[in-house]
Amino acid sequence: MQHMLVLRRVVCPGAARIPDVSTRSFGLVEFAGQWPHAEQRQFESDMRVIRDFITAPEEQLLMREIEPHISRLPYESSHWDEAIHGYRELERRKWSSENRAMLERVSQAAFGGQGMPFVHILDLADSGVIKPHVDSTRFCGNTIAGISLLSDCVMRLKRVTKDPNSASHSADLLLPRRSLYIMSALARYEFTHEILARDQSWFKKRLVERSRRISVICRNEP
């Protein structure tokens, strides 16, 4: 059976809440196709998911600060690179002290504390999709990290091949509500990634109930 390492957040009283890498949980990835062994191991290192990175009250704190601003914007039907449909977005730098502390945890977990100051907020309607794409290297560094708010979703990563007719391999990841994903290096630039549409969000033969989803995305410097 093929597994991907998934980290589970461990909270110690009085201590900063940083994921304990020795605590492992499996079951959030489904591999498809013929994966070279070394590449799969590298992918598992470069595409990580941390369950319950924030708590339900912390999610409410983030939404309380995000909703008044994002709700003023209309949902857009297409993105400048045609990768996203049914979305609205904004960049935010100033946060409450509680939310700033949460985002600092993201920065420590993903970038060793060296994250960019602006945070990208992406609101995907329940009917919205993010189509397969590879991120541009112009805007940020080799790692992105995103907290999933309001809903579970399925992210698909598919290996980029030079020959469009050649077989490719892929992985579907279940991103639970309030989890954090960290994507870097091989997973970021050698695979396309997408968020599956609501009626296509199958994971291990189960249709995931995806609704409106907000991702809070942090990046490091180029």
C-alpha atoms as a PDB file:
ATOM      1  CA  MET A   1       0.000   0.000   0.000  1.00  0.00           C
ATOM      2  CA  GLN A   2       1.313   3.445  -0.892  1.00  0.00           C
ATOM      3  CA  HIS A   3       1.220   6.107   1.803  1.00  0.00           C
ATOM      4  CA  MET A   4       2.003   9.773   2.152  1.00  0.00           C
ATOM      5  CA  LEU A   5       3.280  11.338   5.329  1.00  0.00           C
ATOM      6  CA  VAL A   6       0.684  13.561   6.960  1.00  0.00           C
ATOM      7  CA  LEU A   7       1.512  15.509  10.089  1.00  0.00           C
ATOM      8  CA  ARG A   8      -0.916  15.927  12.957  1.00  0.00           C
ATOM      9  CA  ARG A   9      -0.715  19.001  15.162  1.00  0.00           C
ATOM     10  CA  VAL A  10       0.142  18.282  18.798  1.00  0.00           C
ATOM     11  CA  VAL A  11      -0.703  20.887  21.439  1.00  0.00           C
ATOM     12  CA  CYS A  12       1.203  20.998  24.704  1.00  0.00           C
ATOM     13  CA  PRO A  13      -0.129  23.253  27.488  1.00  0.00           C
ATOM     14  CA  GLY A  14       1.798  26.514  27.628  1.00  0.00           C
ATOM     15  CA  ALA A  15       3.842  25.725  24.553  1.00  0.00           C
ATOM     16  CA  ALA A  16       3.797  27.187  21.059  1.00  0.00           C
ATOM     17  CA  ARG A  17       1.644  25.054  18.775  1.00  0.00           C
ATOM     18  CA  ILE A  18       4.073  23.741  16.206  1.00  0.00           C
ATOM     19  CA  PRO A  19       3.450  20.361  14.503  1.00  0.00           C
ATOM     20  CA  ASP A  20       5.431  17.474  15.937  1.00  0.00           C
ATOM     21  CA  VAL A  21       7.012  15.720  12.970  1.00  0.00           C
ATOM     22  CA  SER A  22       7.280  12.496  14.929  1.00  0.00           C
ATOM     23  CA  THR A  23       3.475  12.194  15.089  1.00  0.00           C
ATOM     24  CA  ARG A  24       2.217  10.594  11.848  1.00  0.00           C
ATOM     25  CA  SER A  25      -1.165   9.985  10.300  1.00  0.00           C
ATOM     26  CA  PHE A  26      -1.926   8.438   6.930  1.00  0.00           C
ATOM     27  CA  GLY A  27      -4.823   8.369   4.555  1.00  0.00           C
ATOM     28  CA  LEU A  28      -4.978  11.783   2.876  1.00  0.00           C
ATOM     29  CA  VAL A  29      -3.412  10.793  -0.449  1.00  0.00           C
ATOM     30  CA  GLU A  30      -4.404   8.493  -3.282  1.00  0.00           C
ATOM     31  CA  PHE A  31      -1.705   7.752  -5.872  1.00  0.00           C
ATOM     32  CA  ALA A  32      -2.547   6.853  -9.483  1.00  0.00           C
ATOM     33  CA  GLY A  33      -0.343   5.634 -12.309  1.00  0.00           C
ATOM     34  CA  GLN A  34       3.197   4.270 -12.261  1.00  0.00           C
ATOM     35  CA  TRP A  35       5.301   6.296  -9.836  1.00  0.00           C
ATOM     36  CA  PRO A  36       9.094   5.892  -9.805  1.00  0.00           C
ATOM     37  CA  HIS A  37       9.975   4.985  -6.230  1.00  0.00           C
ATOM     38  CA  ALA A  38      12.505   7.798  -5.699  1.00  0.00           C
ATOM     39  CA  GLU A  39      10.125  10.394  -7.133  1.00  0.00           C
ATOM     40  CA  GLN A  40       7.280   9.282  -4.917  1.00  0.00           C
ATOM     41  CA  ARG A  41       9.491   9.599  -1.860  1.00  0.00           C
ATOM     42  CA  GLN A  42      10.536  13.082  -2.937  1.00  0.00           C
ATOM     43  CA  PHE A  43       6.906  14.024  -3.589  1.00  0.00           C
ATOM     44  CA  GLU A  44       5.950  12.881  -0.101  1.00  0.00           C
ATOM     45  CA  SER A  45       8.632  15.191   1.273  1.00  0.00           C
ATOM     46  CA  ASP A  46       7.648  18.168  -0.896  1.00  0.00           C
ATOM     47  CA  MET A  47       3.845  17.917  -0.538  1.00  0.00           C
ATOM     48  CA  ARG A  48       2.808  17.837   3.111  1.00  0.00           C
ATOM     49  CA  VAL A  49      -0.533  18.167   4.868  1.00  0.00           C
ATOM     50  CA  ILE A  50      -0.928  19.036   8.556  1.00  0.00           C
ATOM     51  CA  ARG A  51      -4.300  18.081   9.979  1.00  0.00           C
ATOM     52  CA  ASP A  52      -6.092  20.470  12.345  1.00  0.00           C
ATOM     53  CA  PHE A  53      -3.401  23.095  12.047  1.00  0.00           C
ATOM     54  CA  ILE A  54      -5.879  25.581  13.482  1.00  0.00           C
ATOM     55  CA  THR A  55      -8.828  25.050  15.797  1.00  0.00           C
ATOM     56  CA  ALA A  56     -12.489  25.844  15.130  1.00  0.00           C
ATOM     57  CA  PRO A  57     -12.317  29.032  17.272  1.00  0.00           C
ATOM     58  CA  GLU A  58      -9.193  30.105  15.358  1.00  0.00           C
ATOM     59  CA  GLU A  59     -11.009  29.535  12.071  1.00  0.00           C
ATOM     60  CA  GLN A  60     -13.785  31.812  13.349  1.00  0.00           C
ATOM     61  CA  LEU A  61     -11.217  34.494  14.207  1.00  0.00           C
ATOM     62  CA  LEU A  62      -9.795  34.387  10.687  1.00  0.00           C
ATOM     63  CA  MET A  63     -13.244  34.491   9.091  1.00  0.00           C
ATOM     64  CA  ARG A  64     -14.299  37.393  11.308  1.00  0.00           C
ATOM     65  CA  GLU A  65     -11.425  39.413   9.884  1.00  0.00           C
ATOM     66  CA  ILE A  66     -11.639  38.180   6.277  1.00  0.00           C
ATOM     67  CA  GLU A  67     -15.410  38.167   5.633  1.00  0.00           C
ATOM     68  CA  PRO A  68     -16.151  41.915   5.898  1.00  0.00           C
ATOM     69  CA  HIS A  69     -13.562  42.633   3.195  1.00  0.00           C
ATOM     70  CA  ILE A  70     -13.987  39.690   0.825  1.00  0.00           C
ATOM     71  CA  SER A  71     -17.799  39.851   0.901  1.00  0.00           C
ATOM     72  CA  ARG A  72     -17.701  43.265  -0.780  1.00  0.00           C
ATOM     73  CA  LEU A  73     -16.187  41.726  -3.900  1.00  0.00           C
ATOM     74  CA  PRO A  74     -18.130  39.919  -6.645  1.00  0.00           C
ATOM     75  CA  TYR A  75     -17.222  36.395  -7.662  1.00  0.00           C
ATOM     76  CA  GLU A  76     -15.249  36.448 -10.921  1.00  0.00           C
ATOM     77  CA  SER A  77     -15.912  34.041 -13.786  1.00  0.00           C
ATOM     78  CA  SER A  78     -12.312  33.825 -15.028  1.00  0.00           C
ATOM     79  CA  HIS A  79      -8.779  34.567 -13.861  1.00  0.00           C
ATOM     80  CA  TRP A  80      -6.073  36.408 -15.816  1.00  0.00           C
ATOM     81  CA  ASP A  81      -4.398  33.072 -16.647  1.00  0.00           C
ATOM     82  CA  GLU A  82      -7.738  31.195 -17.009  1.00  0.00           C
ATOM     83  CA  ALA A  83      -6.779  28.922 -14.129  1.00  0.00           C
ATOM     84  CA  ILE A  84      -9.575  29.865 -11.712  1.00  0.00           C
ATOM     85  CA  HIS A  85     -13.338  30.186 -12.192  1.00  0.00           C
ATOM     86  CA  GLY A  86     -15.907  31.262  -9.605  1.00  0.00           C
ATOM     87  CA  TYR A  87     -13.570  33.066  -7.223  1.00  0.00           C
ATOM     88  CA  ARG A  88     -12.743  36.324  -5.511  1.00  0.00           C
ATOM     89  CA  GLU A  89      -9.450  37.251  -3.919  1.00  0.00           C
ATOM     90  CA  LEU A  90      -7.527  39.866  -2.014  1.00  0.00           C
ATOM     91  CA  GLU A  91      -4.122  40.465  -0.473  1.00  0.00           C
ATOM     92  CA  ARG A  92      -3.849  41.405   3.176  1.00  0.00           C
ATOM     93  CA  ARG A  93      -0.928  42.554   5.281  1.00  0.00           C
ATOM     94  CA  LYS A  94      -2.465  43.887   8.498  1.00  0.00           C
ATOM     95  CA  TRP A  95      -4.005  41.389  10.904  1.00  0.00           C
ATOM     96  CA  SER A  96      -5.206  41.268  14.482  1.00  0.00           C
ATOM     97  CA  SER A  97      -2.644  40.069  16.991  1.00  0.00           C
ATOM     98  CA  GLU A  98      -4.401  36.685  17.323  1.00  0.00           C
ATOM     99  CA  ASN A  99      -4.466  36.068  13.572  1.00  0.00           C
ATOM    100  CA  ARG A 100      -0.922  37.362  13.154  1.00  0.00           C
ATOM    101  CA  ALA A 101       0.198  34.735  15.659  1.00  0.00           C
ATOM    102  CA  MET A 102      -1.575  32.035  13.607  1.00  0.00           C
ATOM    103  CA  LEU A 103       0.093  33.201  10.406  1.00  0.00           C
ATOM    104  CA  GLU A 104       3.450  33.238  12.142  1.00  0.00           C
ATOM    105  CA  ARG A 105       2.913  29.544  12.934  1.00  0.00           C
ATOM    106  CA  VAL A 106       2.345  28.961   9.216  1.00  0.00           C
ATOM    107  CA  SER A 107       5.540  30.846   8.397  1.00  0.00           C
ATOM    108  CA  GLN A 108       7.542  28.843  10.904  1.00  0.00           C
ATOM    109  CA  ALA A 109       6.152  25.517   9.708  1.00  0.00           C
ATOM    110  CA  ALA A 110       6.633  26.238   5.999  1.00  0.00           C
ATOM    111  CA  PHE A 111       9.478  28.738   5.626  1.00  0.00           C
ATOM    112  CA  GLY A 112      11.394  28.784   8.890  1.00  0.00           C
ATOM    113  CA  GLY A 113       9.851  32.179   9.630  1.00  0.00           C
ATOM    114  CA  GLN A 114      10.862  33.778   6.299  1.00  0.00           C
ATOM    115  CA  GLY A 115       7.441  34.347   4.725  1.00  0.00           C
ATOM    116  CA  MET A 116       6.378  37.284   2.539  1.00  0.00           C
ATOM    117  CA  PRO A 117       4.458  40.033   4.391  1.00  0.00           C
ATOM    118  CA  PHE A 118       1.332  39.929   2.196  1.00  0.00           C
ATOM    119  CA  VAL A 119      -1.090  37.022   2.591  1.00  0.00           C
ATOM    120  CA  HIS A 120      -3.259  35.916  -0.348  1.00  0.00           C
ATOM    121  CA  ILE A 121      -6.923  35.194   0.419  1.00  0.00           C
ATOM    122  CA  LEU A 122      -8.688  33.084  -2.224  1.00  0.00           C
ATOM    123  CA  ASP A 123     -12.441  32.565  -1.881  1.00  0.00           C
ATOM    124  CA  LEU A 124     -13.735  29.774  -4.129  1.00  0.00           C
ATOM    125  CA  ALA A 125     -17.511  29.598  -4.541  1.00  0.00           C
ATOM    126  CA  ASP A 126     -19.181  26.223  -4.057  1.00  0.00           C
ATOM    127  CA  SER A 127     -19.434  25.987  -7.852  1.00  0.00           C
ATOM    128  CA  GLY A 128     -15.906  27.324  -8.448  1.00  0.00           C
ATOM    129  CA  VAL A 129     -12.890  25.388  -9.712  1.00  0.00           C
ATOM    130  CA  ILE A 130      -9.148  25.823  -9.934  1.00  0.00           C
ATOM    131  CA  LYS A 131      -7.959  24.261 -13.183  1.00  0.00           C
ATOM    132  CA  PRO A 132      -4.644  22.413 -13.653  1.00  0.00           C
ATOM    133  CA  HIS A 133      -1.722  24.834 -13.646  1.00  0.00           C
ATOM    134  CA  VAL A 134       1.875  25.266 -12.556  1.00  0.00           C
ATOM    135  CA  ASP A 135       2.576  28.386 -10.517  1.00  0.00           C
ATOM    136  CA  SER A 136       4.668  31.163 -12.007  1.00  0.00           C
ATOM    137  CA  THR A 137       8.125  31.652 -10.493  1.00  0.00           C
ATOM    138  CA  ARG A 138       7.868  35.432 -10.904  1.00  0.00           C
ATOM    139  CA  PHE A 139       5.808  36.216  -7.840  1.00  0.00           C
ATOM    140  CA  CYS A 140       7.204  34.142  -4.989  1.00  0.00           C
ATOM    141  CA  GLY A 141       9.701  31.523  -3.907  1.00  0.00           C
ATOM    142  CA  ASN A 142       9.695  27.763  -4.146  1.00  0.00           C
ATOM    143  CA  THR A 143       7.182  27.092  -1.359  1.00  0.00           C
ATOM    144  CA  ILE A 144       3.553  27.981  -0.716  1.00  0.00           C
ATOM    145  CA  ALA A 145       1.436  27.089   2.298  1.00  0.00           C
ATOM    146  CA  GLY A 146      -2.338  27.289   2.561  1.00  0.00           C
ATOM    147  CA  ILE A 147      -4.899  26.940   5.359  1.00  0.00           C
ATOM    148  CA  SER A 148      -8.243  25.530   4.194  1.00  0.00           C
ATOM    149  CA  LEU A 149     -11.263  27.285   5.724  1.00  0.00           C
ATOM    150  CA  LEU A 150     -14.996  26.409   5.663  1.00  0.00           C
ATOM    151  CA  SER A 151     -14.810  23.174   3.643  1.00  0.00           C
ATOM    152  CA  ASP A 152     -12.870  20.049   2.764  1.00  0.00           C
ATOM    153  CA  CYS A 153     -11.697  19.747  -0.828  1.00  0.00           C
ATOM    154  CA  VAL A 154      -9.702  17.497  -3.140  1.00  0.00           C
ATOM    155  CA  MET A 155      -6.481  18.733  -4.726  1.00  0.00           C
ATOM    156  CA  ARG A 156      -5.089  16.814  -7.699  1.00  0.00           C
ATOM    157  CA  LEU A 157      -1.433  16.970  -8.711  1.00  0.00           C
ATOM    158  CA  LYS A 158      -0.422  15.509 -12.073  1.00  0.00           C
ATOM    159  CA  ARG A 159       3.096  15.032 -13.403  1.00  0.00           C
ATOM    160  CA  VAL A 160       4.065  17.388 -16.193  1.00  0.00           C
ATOM    161  CA  THR A 161       5.300  15.507 -19.273  1.00  0.00           C
ATOM    162  CA  LYS A 162       6.917  16.848 -22.445  1.00  0.00           C
ATOM    163  CA  ASP A 163       4.938  14.439 -24.584  1.00  0.00           C
ATOM    164  CA  PRO A 164       1.177  15.100 -24.193  1.00  0.00           C
ATOM    165  CA  ASN A 165       0.439  11.563 -25.411  1.00  0.00           C
ATOM    166  CA  SER A 166       2.673   9.849 -22.858  1.00  0.00           C
ATOM    167  CA  ALA A 167       1.304   8.296 -19.680  1.00  0.00           C
ATOM    168  CA  SER A 168       1.485  10.415 -16.544  1.00  0.00           C
ATOM    169  CA  HIS A 169       1.082   9.741 -12.860  1.00  0.00           C
ATOM    170  CA  SER A 170      -0.851  11.750 -10.322  1.00  0.00           C
ATOM    171  CA  ALA A 171      -1.937  12.045  -6.724  1.00  0.00           C
ATOM    172  CA  ASP A 172      -5.227  13.180  -5.200  1.00  0.00           C
ATOM    173  CA  LEU A 173      -4.991  14.819  -1.789  1.00  0.00           C
ATOM    174  CA  LEU A 174      -7.848  15.312   0.625  1.00  0.00           C
ATOM    175  CA  LEU A 175      -7.386  18.731   2.242  1.00  0.00           C
ATOM    176  CA  PRO A 176      -9.549  18.704   5.370  1.00  0.00           C
ATOM    177  CA  ARG A 177     -11.107  21.872   6.714  1.00  0.00           C
ATOM    178  CA  ARG A 178      -8.645  23.698   9.013  1.00  0.00           C
ATOM    179  CA  SER A 179      -5.654  21.772   7.657  1.00  0.00           C
ATOM    180  CA  LEU A 180      -2.464  23.306   6.278  1.00  0.00           C
ATOM    181  CA  TYR A 181      -0.804  22.117   3.085  1.00  0.00           C
ATOM    182  CA  ILE A 182       2.824  22.923   2.270  1.00  0.00           C
ATOM    183  CA  MET A 183       3.861  22.543  -1.378  1.00  0.00           C
ATOM    184  CA  SER A 184       7.439  22.986  -2.528  1.00  0.00           C
ATOM    185  CA  ALA A 185      10.123  22.059  -5.075  1.00  0.00           C
ATOM    186  CA  LEU A 186       9.175  18.927  -7.076  1.00  0.00           C
ATOM    187  CA  ALA A 187       5.481  19.006  -6.123  1.00  0.00           C
ATOM    188  CA  ARG A 188       5.222  22.694  -6.978  1.00  0.00           C
ATOM    189  CA  TYR A 189       7.036  22.918 -10.311  1.00  0.00           C
ATOM    190  CA  GLU A 190       6.982  19.425 -11.833  1.00  0.00           C
ATOM    191  CA  PHE A 191       3.276  18.785 -11.227  1.00  0.00           C
ATOM    192  CA  THR A 192       0.175  20.713 -12.147  1.00  0.00           C
ATOM    193  CA  HIS A 193      -2.236  21.249  -9.274  1.00  0.00           C
ATOM    194  CA  GLU A 194      -5.959  21.893  -9.244  1.00  0.00           C
ATOM    195  CA  ILE A 195      -8.962  21.951  -6.914  1.00  0.00           C
ATOM    196  CA  LEU A 196     -11.604  19.580  -8.235  1.00  0.00           C
ATOM    197  CA  ALA A 197     -15.126  20.765  -8.982  1.00  0.00           C
ATOM    198  CA  ARG A 198     -17.829  19.980  -6.470  1.00  0.00           C
ATOM    199  CA  ASP A 199     -19.339  17.132  -8.499  1.00  0.00           C
ATOM    200  CA  GLN A 200     -15.900  15.676  -9.293  1.00  0.00           C
ATOM    201  CA  SER A 201     -14.468  15.723  -5.777  1.00  0.00           C
ATOM    202  CA  TRP A 202     -14.158  11.977  -5.390  1.00  0.00           C
ATOM    203  CA  PHE A 203     -11.562  10.658  -2.965  1.00  0.00           C
ATOM    204  CA  LYS A 204     -11.102   6.920  -2.410  1.00  0.00           C
ATOM    205  CA  LYS A 205     -14.522   6.186  -3.925  1.00  0.00           C
ATOM    206  CA  ARG A 206     -16.291   8.754  -1.740  1.00  0.00           C
ATOM    207  CA  LEU A 207     -17.735  12.046  -2.958  1.00  0.00           C
ATOM    208  CA  VAL A 208     -16.352  14.786  -0.705  1.00  0.00           C
ATOM    209  CA  GLU A 209     -18.975  17.348   0.281  1.00  0.00           C
ATOM    210  CA  ARG A 210     -17.247  20.487  -0.931  1.00  0.00           C
ATOM    211  CA  SER A 211     -18.864  23.870  -0.416  1.00  0.00           C
ATOM    212  CA  ARG A 212     -17.531  27.418  -0.415  1.00  0.00           C
ATOM    213  CA  ARG A 213     -13.841  27.277   0.480  1.00  0.00           C
ATOM    214  CA  ILE A 214     -11.447  30.016   1.503  1.00  0.00           C
ATOM    215  CA  SER A 215      -7.719  29.405   1.395  1.00  0.00           C
ATOM    216  CA  VAL A 216      -5.288  31.594   3.311  1.00  0.00           C
ATOM    217  CA  ILE A 217      -2.086  31.329   1.306  1.00  0.00           C
ATOM    218  CA  CYS A 218       1.375  32.319   2.484  1.00  0.00           C
ATOM    219  CA  ARG A 219       4.504  32.401   0.314  1.00  0.00           C
ATOM    220  CA  ASN A 220       8.214  32.908   0.691  1.00  0.00           C
ATOM    221  CA  GLU A 221      10.358  35.404  -1.198  1.00  0.00           C
ATOM    222  CA  PRO A 222      11.478  34.606  -4.791  1.00  0.00           C
END
